[in-house]
N, C-alpha and C. Protein backbone atom coordinates (compact mmCIF):
# COMPACT_ATOMS: atom_id res chain seq x y z
N MET A 1 -15.27 -13.97 74.53
CA MET A 1 -16.14 -13.19 74.37
C MET A 1 -17.42 -13.25 75.20
N ILE A 2 -18.10 -12.59 75.88
CA ILE A 2 -19.30 -12.98 76.87
C ILE A 2 -20.34 -11.73 76.06
N VAL A 3 -21.32 -12.48 75.69
CA VAL A 3 -22.44 -11.75 75.15
C VAL A 3 -23.70 -12.42 75.81
N CYS A 4 -24.72 -11.50 76.50
CA CYS A 4 -25.71 -11.96 76.99
C CYS A 4 -27.27 -10.90 76.32
N LYS A 5 -28.17 -11.56 75.87
CA LYS A 5 -28.79 -11.24 75.50
C LYS A 5 -30.31 -11.01 76.48
N ASN A 6 -30.87 -9.60 76.90
CA ASN A 6 -31.85 -9.22 77.64
C ASN A 6 -33.01 -8.35 76.85
N GLY A 7 -33.83 -9.10 76.47
CA GLY A 7 -35.11 -8.37 75.97
C GLY A 7 -34.40 -8.08 74.23
N VAL A 8 -34.85 -6.88 73.76
CA VAL A 8 -34.19 -6.63 72.78
C VAL A 8 -33.12 -6.00 72.44
N HIS A 9 -31.92 -6.18 73.40
CA HIS A 9 -30.56 -5.70 73.41
C HIS A 9 -29.86 -7.10 73.63
N ASN A 10 -28.93 -6.86 73.12
CA ASN A 10 -27.46 -7.72 73.05
C ASN A 10 -26.60 -7.04 74.06
N TYR A 11 -26.17 -7.57 74.98
CA TYR A 11 -24.84 -6.61 75.69
C TYR A 11 -23.36 -7.72 75.51
N ARG A 12 -22.75 -6.72 75.24
CA ARG A 12 -21.25 -7.05 74.99
C ARG A 12 -20.32 -7.13 76.00
N VAL A 13 -19.72 -7.77 76.85
CA VAL A 13 -18.77 -7.44 77.78
C VAL A 13 -17.72 -6.77 77.53
N ILE A 14 -16.98 -6.08 78.42
CA ILE A 14 -15.59 -5.12 77.96
C ILE A 14 -15.05 -5.90 78.50
N ARG A 15 -13.71 -6.34 77.78
CA ARG A 15 -12.97 -6.84 78.18
C ARG A 15 -11.90 -6.07 79.39
N GLU A 16 -11.90 -7.40 80.42
CA GLU A 16 -11.11 -6.97 81.69
C GLU A 16 -11.85 -6.16 82.67
N SER A 17 -13.05 -6.45 82.30
CA SER A 17 -14.50 -5.80 83.56
C SER A 17 -15.16 -6.52 83.88
N LEU A 18 -14.90 -8.11 84.44
CA LEU A 18 -15.16 -9.05 84.73
C LEU A 18 -15.22 -8.81 86.19
N SER A 19 -16.07 -8.94 87.17
CA SER A 19 -15.90 -8.37 88.57
C SER A 19 -15.23 -9.71 89.25
N ARG A 20 -14.69 -9.40 90.69
CA ARG A 20 -13.71 -10.84 90.95
C ARG A 20 -14.47 -11.89 90.95
N THR A 21 -15.81 -11.69 91.49
CA THR A 21 -16.47 -13.21 91.63
C THR A 21 -17.10 -13.91 90.23
N GLY A 22 -17.01 -12.79 89.38
CA GLY A 22 -17.46 -13.34 87.58
C GLY A 22 -18.78 -13.57 87.65
N LYS A 23 -19.86 -12.59 88.68
CA LYS A 23 -21.14 -12.47 88.62
C LYS A 23 -21.77 -11.30 87.85
N LEU A 24 -20.66 -10.37 87.82
CA LEU A 24 -21.08 -9.17 87.16
C LEU A 24 -20.04 -8.25 85.83
N ALA A 25 -20.38 -7.49 85.31
CA ALA A 25 -19.57 -7.16 84.37
C ALA A 25 -20.01 -5.92 83.87
N VAL A 26 -18.82 -5.22 83.26
CA VAL A 26 -19.50 -3.71 82.48
C VAL A 26 -19.62 -4.35 81.05
N ALA A 27 -20.67 -3.96 80.68
CA ALA A 27 -20.84 -4.09 79.06
C ALA A 27 -21.34 -3.20 78.17
N TRP A 28 -21.49 -3.14 76.93
CA TRP A 28 -21.86 -1.67 76.05
C TRP A 28 -22.64 -2.35 75.05
N THR A 29 -23.89 -1.80 74.55
CA THR A 29 -24.77 -1.76 73.67
C THR A 29 -25.00 -0.62 73.07
N THR A 30 -25.82 -0.86 71.84
CA THR A 30 -26.13 0.51 71.32
C THR A 30 -27.73 1.13 71.79
N LYS A 31 -28.14 2.11 71.95
CA LYS A 31 -29.29 2.23 72.50
C LYS A 31 -30.37 1.72 72.07
N ASN A 32 -29.94 2.06 70.22
CA ASN A 32 -30.90 1.69 69.73
C ASN A 32 -30.68 -0.05 69.09
N PRO A 33 -31.76 -0.85 69.80
CA PRO A 33 -31.22 -2.30 69.17
C PRO A 33 -30.51 -2.50 67.99
N ASP A 34 -31.41 -2.15 67.20
CA ASP A 34 -31.05 -2.02 65.23
C ASP A 34 -30.01 -1.85 64.75
N ASP A 35 -29.02 -0.68 66.09
CA ASP A 35 -27.68 -0.34 65.61
C ASP A 35 -26.41 -1.12 65.68
N MET A 36 -26.77 -2.31 66.61
CA MET A 36 -26.02 -3.19 66.77
C MET A 36 -25.40 -4.09 65.61
N LEU A 37 -26.29 -3.96 64.39
CA LEU A 37 -26.02 -4.21 63.08
C LEU A 37 -25.04 -3.66 62.47
N LYS A 38 -24.83 -2.57 62.70
CA LYS A 38 -23.80 -1.51 62.41
C LYS A 38 -22.67 -1.74 62.68
N SER A 39 -22.46 -2.73 63.68
CA SER A 39 -21.19 -2.61 64.10
C SER A 39 -19.94 -3.57 63.54
N GLU A 40 -18.84 -3.25 63.35
CA GLU A 40 -17.74 -3.42 63.03
C GLU A 40 -17.08 -4.74 63.51
N LEU A 41 -16.42 -5.83 62.89
CA LEU A 41 -15.51 -6.56 63.78
C LEU A 41 -14.28 -6.61 62.98
N GLN A 42 -13.25 -6.92 64.18
CA GLN A 42 -11.76 -6.51 64.05
C GLN A 42 -11.28 -7.94 64.53
N GLU A 43 -10.51 -8.87 64.08
CA GLU A 43 -9.85 -10.06 64.99
C GLU A 43 -11.18 -10.48 66.19
N ASP A 44 -12.23 -10.52 65.81
CA ASP A 44 -13.29 -11.35 66.53
C ASP A 44 -14.13 -10.11 67.30
N GLU A 45 -13.61 -8.97 67.74
CA GLU A 45 -13.95 -8.14 68.34
C GLU A 45 -15.12 -7.05 67.72
N ALA A 46 -15.88 -6.79 67.96
CA ALA A 46 -16.72 -6.11 67.88
C ALA A 46 -16.79 -4.60 68.70
N PHE A 47 -17.37 -3.46 67.34
CA PHE A 47 -16.99 -2.03 67.55
C PHE A 47 -18.01 -1.38 66.97
N ASN A 48 -18.71 -0.22 67.66
CA ASN A 48 -19.46 0.97 67.01
C ASN A 48 -19.11 2.31 66.91
N LEU A 49 -18.89 2.70 66.00
CA LEU A 49 -18.02 4.17 66.24
C LEU A 49 -19.31 5.24 65.89
N PHE A 50 -20.03 4.85 65.19
CA PHE A 50 -21.43 5.62 64.72
C PHE A 50 -22.58 5.53 65.23
N SER A 51 -22.87 5.16 66.14
CA SER A 51 -24.72 5.19 66.91
C SER A 51 -24.10 5.61 68.23
N GLU A 52 -25.26 5.62 68.87
CA GLU A 52 -25.44 6.21 70.23
C GLU A 52 -25.13 4.96 71.57
N ILE A 53 -24.09 5.01 72.44
CA ILE A 53 -23.70 3.96 73.05
C ILE A 53 -23.97 3.92 74.61
N GLN A 54 -24.57 2.79 75.07
CA GLN A 54 -24.52 2.60 76.62
C GLN A 54 -23.61 1.65 77.34
N ASN A 55 -23.28 2.01 78.37
CA ASN A 55 -22.50 1.20 79.15
C ASN A 55 -23.47 0.92 80.52
N VAL A 56 -23.10 -0.31 80.93
CA VAL A 56 -24.42 -0.82 81.61
C VAL A 56 -23.48 -1.93 82.32
N VAL A 57 -23.76 -1.96 83.69
CA VAL A 57 -23.30 -3.29 84.72
C VAL A 57 -24.42 -4.21 84.57
N ILE A 58 -23.89 -5.53 84.15
CA ILE A 58 -25.06 -6.51 84.03
C ILE A 58 -24.40 -7.43 84.81
N ARG A 59 -25.66 -8.33 84.89
CA ARG A 59 -25.42 -9.77 85.62
C ARG A 59 -25.29 -10.99 84.84
N ILE A 60 -24.13 -11.81 85.13
CA ILE A 60 -23.85 -12.75 84.45
C ILE A 60 -24.75 -14.05 84.90
N PRO A 61 -25.24 -15.07 84.28
CA PRO A 61 -25.25 -15.15 82.40
C PRO A 61 -26.54 -14.33 81.79
N ASP A 62 -27.59 -13.73 82.73
CA ASP A 62 -29.05 -13.70 82.47
C ASP A 62 -28.71 -12.24 81.86
N GLY A 63 -27.83 -11.52 81.98
CA GLY A 63 -27.69 -9.97 81.35
C GLY A 63 -28.43 -9.02 82.02
N LYS A 64 -29.22 -9.22 83.28
CA LYS A 64 -30.12 -8.37 83.81
C LYS A 64 -28.97 -7.10 84.15
N VAL A 65 -29.80 -5.98 83.67
CA VAL A 65 -29.14 -4.53 83.95
C VAL A 65 -29.10 -4.13 85.44
N MET A 66 -27.68 -4.14 86.17
CA MET A 66 -28.00 -3.82 87.21
C MET A 66 -27.94 -2.15 87.18
N LYS A 67 -27.23 -1.72 86.54
CA LYS A 67 -26.96 -0.13 86.76
C LYS A 67 -26.45 0.36 85.39
N GLU A 68 -27.32 1.49 84.86
CA GLU A 68 -26.58 2.12 83.78
C GLU A 68 -25.70 3.33 83.93
N LEU A 69 -24.46 3.12 83.43
CA LEU A 69 -23.52 3.95 83.70
C LEU A 69 -23.14 5.39 82.91
N GLY A 70 -22.27 6.32 83.44
CA GLY A 70 -22.00 7.56 82.47
C GLY A 70 -21.13 7.40 81.41
N SER A 71 -20.89 6.18 81.36
CA SER A 71 -19.62 6.29 80.15
C SER A 71 -19.93 5.45 78.90
N ALA A 72 -19.94 5.48 77.65
CA ALA A 72 -20.14 5.26 76.61
C ALA A 72 -18.70 4.74 75.34
N HIS A 73 -18.16 3.68 76.44
CA HIS A 73 -17.17 3.15 75.35
C HIS A 73 -17.88 1.94 74.67
N TYR A 74 -17.27 2.26 73.02
CA TYR A 74 -17.75 1.83 72.05
C TYR A 74 -17.66 0.09 71.42
N GLY A 75 -17.21 -0.48 72.51
CA GLY A 75 -16.58 -1.75 71.77
C GLY A 75 -16.04 -2.65 72.80
N ASP A 76 -15.56 -4.10 72.30
CA ASP A 76 -15.35 -5.08 73.24
C ASP A 76 -13.68 -5.02 73.65
N ALA A 77 -13.23 -4.30 72.97
CA ALA A 77 -11.71 -3.94 73.55
C ALA A 77 -11.50 -3.03 74.53
N GLN A 78 -10.53 -3.42 75.33
CA GLN A 78 -10.31 -2.39 76.48
C GLN A 78 -9.74 -1.14 76.06
N ARG A 79 -9.03 -1.08 74.99
CA ARG A 79 -8.34 0.20 74.52
C ARG A 79 -8.58 0.10 72.79
N TYR A 80 -8.95 1.50 72.40
CA TYR A 80 -8.78 1.77 71.09
C TYR A 80 -7.95 3.19 70.96
N ILE A 81 -6.59 2.91 70.17
CA ILE A 81 -6.11 4.01 69.76
C ILE A 81 -5.68 4.63 71.25
N HIS A 82 -6.44 5.65 71.33
CA HIS A 82 -6.42 7.04 71.88
C HIS A 82 -7.60 6.82 73.63
N ASP A 83 -8.56 5.74 72.96
CA ASP A 83 -9.47 5.58 73.89
C ASP A 83 -9.48 4.33 74.58
N SER A 84 -9.93 4.40 75.70
CA SER A 84 -9.64 3.16 76.71
C SER A 84 -10.39 2.99 77.77
N HIS A 85 -11.04 1.86 78.58
CA HIS A 85 -11.61 1.70 79.54
C HIS A 85 -11.39 1.20 80.32
N ASN A 86 -11.36 1.74 82.16
CA ASN A 86 -10.87 0.49 82.97
C ASN A 86 -11.88 0.39 84.02
N ALA A 87 -12.25 -0.85 84.46
CA ALA A 87 -13.27 -1.06 85.29
C ALA A 87 -12.16 -2.00 86.44
N ILE A 88 -12.38 -1.16 87.57
CA ILE A 88 -11.86 -1.62 88.76
C ILE A 88 -12.58 -1.91 89.63
N TRP A 89 -12.45 -3.24 90.13
CA TRP A 89 -13.59 -4.06 91.28
C TRP A 89 -12.98 -4.10 92.87
N SER A 90 -13.69 -4.34 93.63
CA SER A 90 -13.15 -4.55 95.31
C SER A 90 -13.30 -5.84 95.23
N GLU A 91 -12.86 -6.66 96.31
CA GLU A 91 -13.52 -8.16 96.86
C GLU A 91 -14.82 -8.18 96.98
N ARG A 92 -15.83 -9.12 97.07
CA ARG A 92 -17.08 -9.38 96.73
C ARG A 92 -18.08 -8.35 95.88
N ASP A 93 -17.17 -7.96 94.99
CA ASP A 93 -18.04 -7.24 94.15
C ASP A 93 -18.85 -5.62 94.99
N GLN A 94 -18.43 -5.11 95.75
CA GLN A 94 -19.07 -4.46 96.61
C GLN A 94 -18.65 -3.22 95.96
N TRP A 95 -17.58 -2.69 95.84
CA TRP A 95 -16.96 -1.70 95.10
C TRP A 95 -16.80 -1.60 93.55
N LEU A 96 -17.15 -0.68 92.61
CA LEU A 96 -16.56 -0.67 91.55
C LEU A 96 -16.15 1.01 90.63
N VAL A 97 -15.18 1.30 90.41
CA VAL A 97 -14.53 2.12 89.30
C VAL A 97 -14.17 2.03 88.42
N VAL A 98 -15.26 3.15 87.22
CA VAL A 98 -15.17 2.62 85.87
C VAL A 98 -14.27 4.41 85.44
N ALA A 99 -13.30 4.33 84.75
CA ALA A 99 -12.71 5.02 84.08
C ALA A 99 -12.55 5.18 82.61
N THR A 100 -12.88 6.18 81.97
CA THR A 100 -12.72 5.99 80.61
C THR A 100 -11.88 7.66 80.40
N ASP A 101 -11.05 7.25 79.14
CA ASP A 101 -9.89 8.18 78.79
C ASP A 101 -10.30 8.44 77.26
N LYS A 102 -10.12 9.51 77.05
CA LYS A 102 -9.86 10.06 75.60
C LYS A 102 -8.85 10.77 75.12
N ARG A 103 -8.18 10.31 74.39
CA ARG A 103 -7.05 10.80 73.75
C ARG A 103 -6.13 11.36 74.79
N TRP A 104 -5.95 12.68 75.36
CA TRP A 104 -5.03 13.31 76.23
C TRP A 104 -5.67 13.33 78.13
N GLU A 105 -6.75 12.80 77.95
CA GLU A 105 -7.35 12.98 79.41
C GLU A 105 -8.28 11.97 79.83
N THR A 106 -8.45 12.14 81.15
CA THR A 106 -9.76 10.95 81.74
C THR A 106 -11.51 11.63 80.90
N ASP A 107 -12.06 10.87 80.61
CA ASP A 107 -13.20 11.57 79.85
C ASP A 107 -13.86 11.32 81.46
N THR A 108 -14.31 10.04 81.75
CA THR A 108 -15.03 9.88 83.26
C THR A 108 -14.32 9.02 84.28
N ALA A 109 -14.42 9.41 85.49
CA ALA A 109 -14.05 8.56 86.32
C ALA A 109 -15.05 8.44 87.71
N ASN A 110 -15.82 7.51 87.96
CA ASN A 110 -17.08 7.32 88.60
C ASN A 110 -16.93 6.00 89.41
N ALA A 111 -17.25 6.32 90.65
CA ALA A 111 -17.28 5.18 91.70
C ALA A 111 -18.67 4.85 92.03
N TYR A 112 -18.94 3.34 92.35
CA TYR A 112 -20.32 2.81 92.73
C TYR A 112 -20.42 1.71 93.45
N TYR A 113 -21.28 1.92 94.58
CA TYR A 113 -21.09 0.88 95.65
C TYR A 113 -22.60 -0.34 94.87
N PHE A 114 -22.24 -1.20 95.54
CA PHE A 114 -22.97 -2.33 95.44
C PHE A 114 -23.55 -3.32 96.44
N PHE A 115 -25.16 -3.17 96.73
CA PHE A 115 -25.59 -3.27 98.18
C PHE A 115 -25.99 -5.28 97.60
N ASP A 116 -26.19 -5.76 98.91
CA ASP A 116 -26.35 -7.29 98.75
C ASP A 116 -27.93 -7.44 98.18
N ASP A 117 -28.64 -6.40 97.94
CA ASP A 117 -30.23 -6.63 97.50
C ASP A 117 -29.85 -6.01 96.20
N GLY A 118 -29.29 -5.95 95.33
CA GLY A 118 -28.90 -5.75 93.95
C GLY A 118 -29.06 -4.36 93.87
N THR A 119 -29.08 -3.21 94.75
CA THR A 119 -29.07 -2.21 94.43
C THR A 119 -27.98 -1.46 94.22
N VAL A 120 -27.93 -0.10 93.52
CA VAL A 120 -26.65 0.47 93.40
C VAL A 120 -26.42 1.72 93.66
N GLN A 121 -25.22 2.23 93.93
CA GLN A 121 -25.39 3.72 94.65
C GLN A 121 -24.06 4.26 93.91
N GLY A 122 -24.61 5.53 93.32
CA GLY A 122 -23.56 6.31 92.58
C GLY A 122 -24.33 6.52 91.45
N PRO A 123 -23.57 7.36 90.28
CA PRO A 123 -21.94 7.68 90.25
C PRO A 123 -21.69 8.55 91.30
N PHE A 124 -20.48 8.42 91.88
CA PHE A 124 -19.69 9.30 92.66
C PHE A 124 -18.22 9.94 91.80
N ASP A 125 -18.30 11.28 91.27
CA ASP A 125 -17.27 11.87 90.49
C ASP A 125 -15.95 12.03 91.13
N LEU A 126 -15.27 11.08 90.70
CA LEU A 126 -13.70 11.17 91.53
C LEU A 126 -12.72 12.39 90.61
N MET A 127 -13.22 12.42 89.65
CA MET A 127 -12.26 13.67 89.02
C MET A 127 -12.69 14.95 89.07
N LYS A 128 -13.67 15.25 90.20
CA LYS A 128 -13.51 16.76 90.41
C LYS A 128 -13.05 16.93 92.13
N ILE A 129 -13.31 15.64 93.23
CA ILE A 129 -12.19 15.69 94.04
C ILE A 129 -10.96 15.76 93.61
N CYS A 130 -10.64 14.95 92.55
CA CYS A 130 -9.02 14.81 92.71
C CYS A 130 -8.29 16.08 91.73
N THR A 131 -9.30 16.87 90.84
CA THR A 131 -8.70 17.96 89.98
C THR A 131 -8.72 19.06 91.37
N GLU A 132 -9.45 19.37 92.09
CA GLU A 132 -9.95 19.95 93.53
C GLU A 132 -8.18 19.76 94.30
N ALA A 133 -7.87 18.59 94.96
CA ALA A 133 -6.94 18.24 95.68
C ALA A 133 -5.79 18.59 95.07
N ALA A 134 -5.57 18.39 93.86
CA ALA A 134 -4.29 18.50 92.96
C ALA A 134 -3.76 20.08 92.68
N GLN A 135 -4.49 20.66 92.40
CA GLN A 135 -4.53 22.01 92.14
C GLN A 135 -4.14 22.75 93.69
N LYS A 136 -5.06 22.45 94.56
CA LYS A 136 -4.63 22.91 95.78
C LYS A 136 -2.88 22.14 96.25
N LEU A 137 -2.89 21.23 96.22
CA LEU A 137 -1.19 20.79 96.42
C LEU A 137 -0.18 21.62 95.59
N PHE A 138 -0.16 21.81 94.47
CA PHE A 138 0.52 22.16 93.43
C PHE A 138 0.46 23.76 93.83
N ALA A 139 -0.55 24.57 93.77
CA ALA A 139 -0.48 25.58 93.68
C ALA A 139 0.17 26.21 95.17
N ARG A 140 0.10 25.59 96.11
CA ARG A 140 1.09 25.97 97.36
C ARG A 140 2.48 26.25 97.07
N GLU A 141 2.89 25.89 96.38
CA GLU A 141 4.42 25.84 96.07
C GLU A 141 4.97 26.49 94.80
N ARG A 142 3.95 27.09 93.76
CA ARG A 142 4.20 27.35 92.50
C ARG A 142 3.95 28.51 92.11
N LYS A 143 4.64 29.51 91.31
CA LYS A 143 3.77 30.18 90.46
C LYS A 143 2.27 30.20 89.95
N ARG A 144 1.34 31.10 89.65
CA ARG A 144 0.27 31.01 89.17
C ARG A 144 0.18 30.19 88.30
N LEU A 145 -0.74 29.08 88.23
CA LEU A 145 -0.85 28.23 86.69
C LEU A 145 -2.10 28.29 86.34
N GLU A 146 -2.13 28.06 85.16
CA GLU A 146 -3.22 28.62 84.04
C GLU A 146 -3.93 26.88 83.91
N TRP A 147 -4.66 26.47 84.94
CA TRP A 147 -5.33 25.34 84.84
C TRP A 147 -6.02 25.05 83.85
N LYS A 148 -6.89 25.97 82.93
CA LYS A 148 -7.74 25.61 81.87
C LYS A 148 -7.02 25.18 80.75
N TYR A 149 -5.65 25.09 80.71
CA TYR A 149 -4.69 24.47 79.53
C TYR A 149 -4.02 23.26 79.93
N PHE A 150 -4.09 22.67 81.13
CA PHE A 150 -3.93 21.21 81.75
C PHE A 150 -5.27 20.39 81.37
N SER A 151 -4.51 18.84 80.98
CA SER A 151 -5.31 18.04 80.73
C SER A 151 -5.31 17.31 82.28
N ASN A 152 -6.29 16.22 82.44
CA ASN A 152 -6.56 15.64 83.70
C ASN A 152 -6.64 14.13 83.57
N ARG A 153 -5.72 13.14 84.23
CA ARG A 153 -5.88 11.82 83.68
C ARG A 153 -5.59 11.24 85.61
N ILE A 154 -6.38 10.34 85.55
CA ILE A 154 -6.57 9.37 86.37
C ILE A 154 -6.08 7.97 86.55
N ASP A 155 -5.38 7.63 87.30
CA ASP A 155 -4.98 6.02 87.11
C ASP A 155 -5.22 5.47 88.36
N VAL A 156 -6.06 4.34 88.22
CA VAL A 156 -6.55 4.20 89.50
C VAL A 156 -5.96 2.83 89.94
N LYS A 157 -5.03 2.68 90.86
CA LYS A 157 -4.54 1.36 91.34
C LYS A 157 -5.28 0.23 91.77
N GLY A 158 -6.23 0.70 92.55
CA GLY A 158 -7.13 -0.46 93.40
C GLY A 158 -7.85 0.09 94.22
N ILE A 159 -8.76 -0.40 94.74
CA ILE A 159 -9.94 -0.05 95.81
C ILE A 159 -10.28 -1.28 96.43
N ASN A 160 -10.42 -1.32 97.65
CA ASN A 160 -10.73 -2.70 98.64
C ASN A 160 -12.17 -2.64 99.25
N MET A 161 -12.51 -3.40 99.88
CA MET A 161 -13.83 -3.85 100.38
C MET A 161 -14.61 -2.66 101.34
N SER A 162 -13.34 -2.16 102.02
CA SER A 162 -13.87 -1.36 102.69
C SER A 162 -13.76 0.22 102.34
N GLY A 163 -13.56 0.25 100.72
CA GLY A 163 -13.71 1.51 100.31
C GLY A 163 -12.19 2.25 100.19
N VAL A 164 -11.32 1.95 100.43
CA VAL A 164 -10.41 2.48 100.64
C VAL A 164 -9.67 2.67 98.87
N LEU A 165 -9.34 3.94 98.24
CA LEU A 165 -8.78 3.51 96.61
C LEU A 165 -7.62 4.39 96.97
N ARG A 166 -6.77 4.04 95.93
CA ARG A 166 -5.54 4.52 96.05
C ARG A 166 -5.41 5.05 94.11
N ALA A 167 -4.80 6.02 93.93
CA ALA A 167 -4.79 6.22 92.53
C ALA A 167 -3.76 7.35 92.15
N THR A 168 -3.24 7.35 91.25
CA THR A 168 -2.15 8.56 90.72
C THR A 168 -2.95 9.57 89.48
N PHE A 169 -2.84 10.97 89.89
CA PHE A 169 -3.43 11.97 89.30
C PHE A 169 -2.41 12.74 88.66
N THR A 170 -2.73 12.90 87.32
CA THR A 170 -1.56 13.39 86.70
C THR A 170 -2.40 15.06 85.74
N MET A 171 -1.72 15.78 85.96
CA MET A 171 -2.00 16.97 85.15
C MET A 171 -0.74 17.15 84.56
N TYR A 172 -1.12 17.82 83.02
CA TYR A 172 -0.47 17.98 82.22
C TYR A 172 -0.78 18.93 81.12
N VAL A 173 0.19 19.95 80.38
CA VAL A 173 -0.13 20.26 79.08
C VAL A 173 0.39 19.68 78.17
N PRO A 174 -0.49 18.78 77.15
CA PRO A 174 -0.49 18.07 76.06
C PRO A 174 0.72 18.70 75.15
N ARG A 175 1.95 17.87 74.97
CA ARG A 175 3.12 18.24 74.19
C ARG A 175 3.95 19.29 74.90
N SER A 176 3.82 19.42 76.06
CA SER A 176 4.75 20.45 76.27
C SER A 176 6.02 19.90 77.00
N ILE A 177 7.17 20.43 76.88
CA ILE A 177 8.41 19.65 77.39
C ILE A 177 8.76 20.44 78.83
N GLU A 178 7.36 21.82 79.19
CA GLU A 178 8.15 22.57 80.02
C GLU A 178 7.57 21.78 81.67
N LYS A 179 8.78 21.67 82.51
CA LYS A 179 8.68 20.81 83.84
C LYS A 179 7.38 21.66 84.56
N ASP A 180 6.90 22.69 84.84
CA ASP A 180 6.14 23.19 85.14
C ASP A 180 4.72 22.60 84.78
N GLU A 181 4.75 22.10 83.76
CA GLU A 181 3.52 21.98 82.93
C GLU A 181 3.25 20.26 83.01
N PHE A 182 4.19 19.47 83.74
CA PHE A 182 3.69 18.11 84.21
C PHE A 182 3.62 18.07 85.39
N LEU A 183 2.50 17.44 86.24
CA LEU A 183 2.37 17.23 87.80
C LEU A 183 1.60 16.24 87.96
N GLN A 184 1.98 15.46 89.05
CA GLN A 184 1.64 14.23 89.32
C GLN A 184 1.62 14.25 90.76
N ALA A 185 0.89 13.37 91.47
CA ALA A 185 0.33 13.41 92.73
C ALA A 185 -0.43 12.00 93.09
N ASP A 186 0.04 11.48 94.01
CA ASP A 186 -0.49 9.96 94.45
C ASP A 186 -1.21 10.18 95.75
N MET A 187 -2.57 9.67 95.41
CA MET A 187 -3.65 9.99 96.58
C MET A 187 -4.16 8.73 97.10
N ALA A 188 -4.69 8.77 98.10
CA ALA A 188 -5.65 7.76 98.87
C ALA A 188 -6.41 8.41 99.28
N PHE A 189 -7.91 7.59 98.89
CA PHE A 189 -9.44 8.15 99.40
C PHE A 189 -10.14 6.96 100.51
N GLN A 190 -10.74 7.74 101.35
CA GLN A 190 -11.82 6.33 101.88
C GLN A 190 -13.19 6.97 101.37
N LEU A 191 -13.68 5.78 100.52
CA LEU A 191 -14.90 6.06 100.01
C LEU A 191 -16.00 5.30 101.00
N LYS A 192 -17.03 6.11 101.36
CA LYS A 192 -18.39 5.27 102.05
C LYS A 192 -19.65 5.70 101.80
N SER A 193 -20.86 4.70 101.92
CA SER A 193 -21.80 4.50 101.24
C SER A 193 -22.65 5.08 102.29
N GLU A 194 -23.11 6.26 102.33
CA GLU A 194 -24.24 7.14 103.22
C GLU A 194 -25.77 6.80 102.97
N PRO A 195 -26.63 7.02 103.26
CA PRO A 195 -28.04 7.17 103.03
C PRO A 195 -28.23 8.12 101.90
N ASN A 196 -27.60 9.37 101.98
CA ASN A 196 -27.58 9.95 100.74
C ASN A 196 -26.79 10.18 99.43
N GLY A 197 -26.04 9.01 99.71
CA GLY A 197 -25.41 8.68 98.28
C GLY A 197 -23.57 8.66 99.21
N ILE A 198 -23.02 8.31 98.18
CA ILE A 198 -21.22 8.26 98.60
C ILE A 198 -20.33 9.52 98.81
N VAL A 199 -19.79 9.44 99.73
CA VAL A 199 -18.93 10.50 99.87
C VAL A 199 -17.62 9.97 100.20
N ALA A 200 -16.44 10.69 99.85
CA ALA A 200 -15.35 10.69 99.61
C ALA A 200 -14.58 11.66 100.80
N LYS A 201 -13.59 11.21 101.49
CA LYS A 201 -12.66 11.91 102.27
C LYS A 201 -11.11 11.51 101.88
N ILE A 202 -10.23 12.30 101.42
CA ILE A 202 -8.53 12.19 100.96
C ILE A 202 -7.85 12.10 102.56
N THR A 203 -7.62 10.80 102.48
CA THR A 203 -6.52 10.50 103.66
C THR A 203 -5.04 10.85 103.19
N SER A 204 -4.67 11.13 101.91
CA SER A 204 -3.42 11.23 101.85
C SER A 204 -3.09 11.84 100.43
N ILE A 205 -2.26 12.58 100.15
CA ILE A 205 -1.98 13.23 98.81
C ILE A 205 -0.31 13.68 99.03
N LYS A 206 0.38 13.56 97.96
CA LYS A 206 2.02 13.93 97.68
C LYS A 206 2.32 13.61 96.70
N LYS A 207 3.16 14.50 96.35
CA LYS A 207 3.72 14.69 95.08
C LYS A 207 4.60 13.12 94.80
N SER A 208 4.36 12.87 93.40
CA SER A 208 4.85 11.44 93.00
C SER A 208 6.09 11.74 92.16
N ARG A 209 6.03 13.00 91.56
CA ARG A 209 7.57 12.82 90.52
C ARG A 209 7.47 14.70 90.48
N ASP A 210 8.67 14.61 90.80
CA ASP A 210 9.09 16.23 90.91
C ASP A 210 9.14 16.89 89.35
N PRO A 211 8.05 17.92 89.10
CA PRO A 211 8.47 18.30 87.45
C PRO A 211 9.55 19.11 87.20
């Protein structure tokens, strides 16, 4: 378990979030440093369910905060029953995708770009572009679907140094057995760092399973 102290904060690295070079990682802490004392231990792993949580990218080993993230994963482990945290790095630590799942669906899925000077661009919301693309794909061939009843989940397969990201996107109604209520698509994106932020273009999308 990697723990880095920086000022008043102890940053605990989330499992499976270390970058390809081992120089960066996603870590969690409590916004109020004193609340870390309220963390519980289970098999030598800490978690904190009742405090305000902050996820950050830190530099190893000095714990310098490189970027505050939009997620709030609350423990050392990658998965807790219904909650999970996934950090996907490209080669040379240039791109990072962080996705967190809550029970039935993905809560956040954001992309970040790391410049050589240590600055970070992002977040870029992947859920928005995936949801819009999947709805268009399935609406073309089906009766009207009530999207408000669907839960959406993204499974990022990988991202390379050039910003090519591949993912499977699932839209489904929890606990439903209806075929029309489980839809899945394989997608590929080209992400680019532009002066005004990260931009994305879908390069391919197709059904990955017949519902």
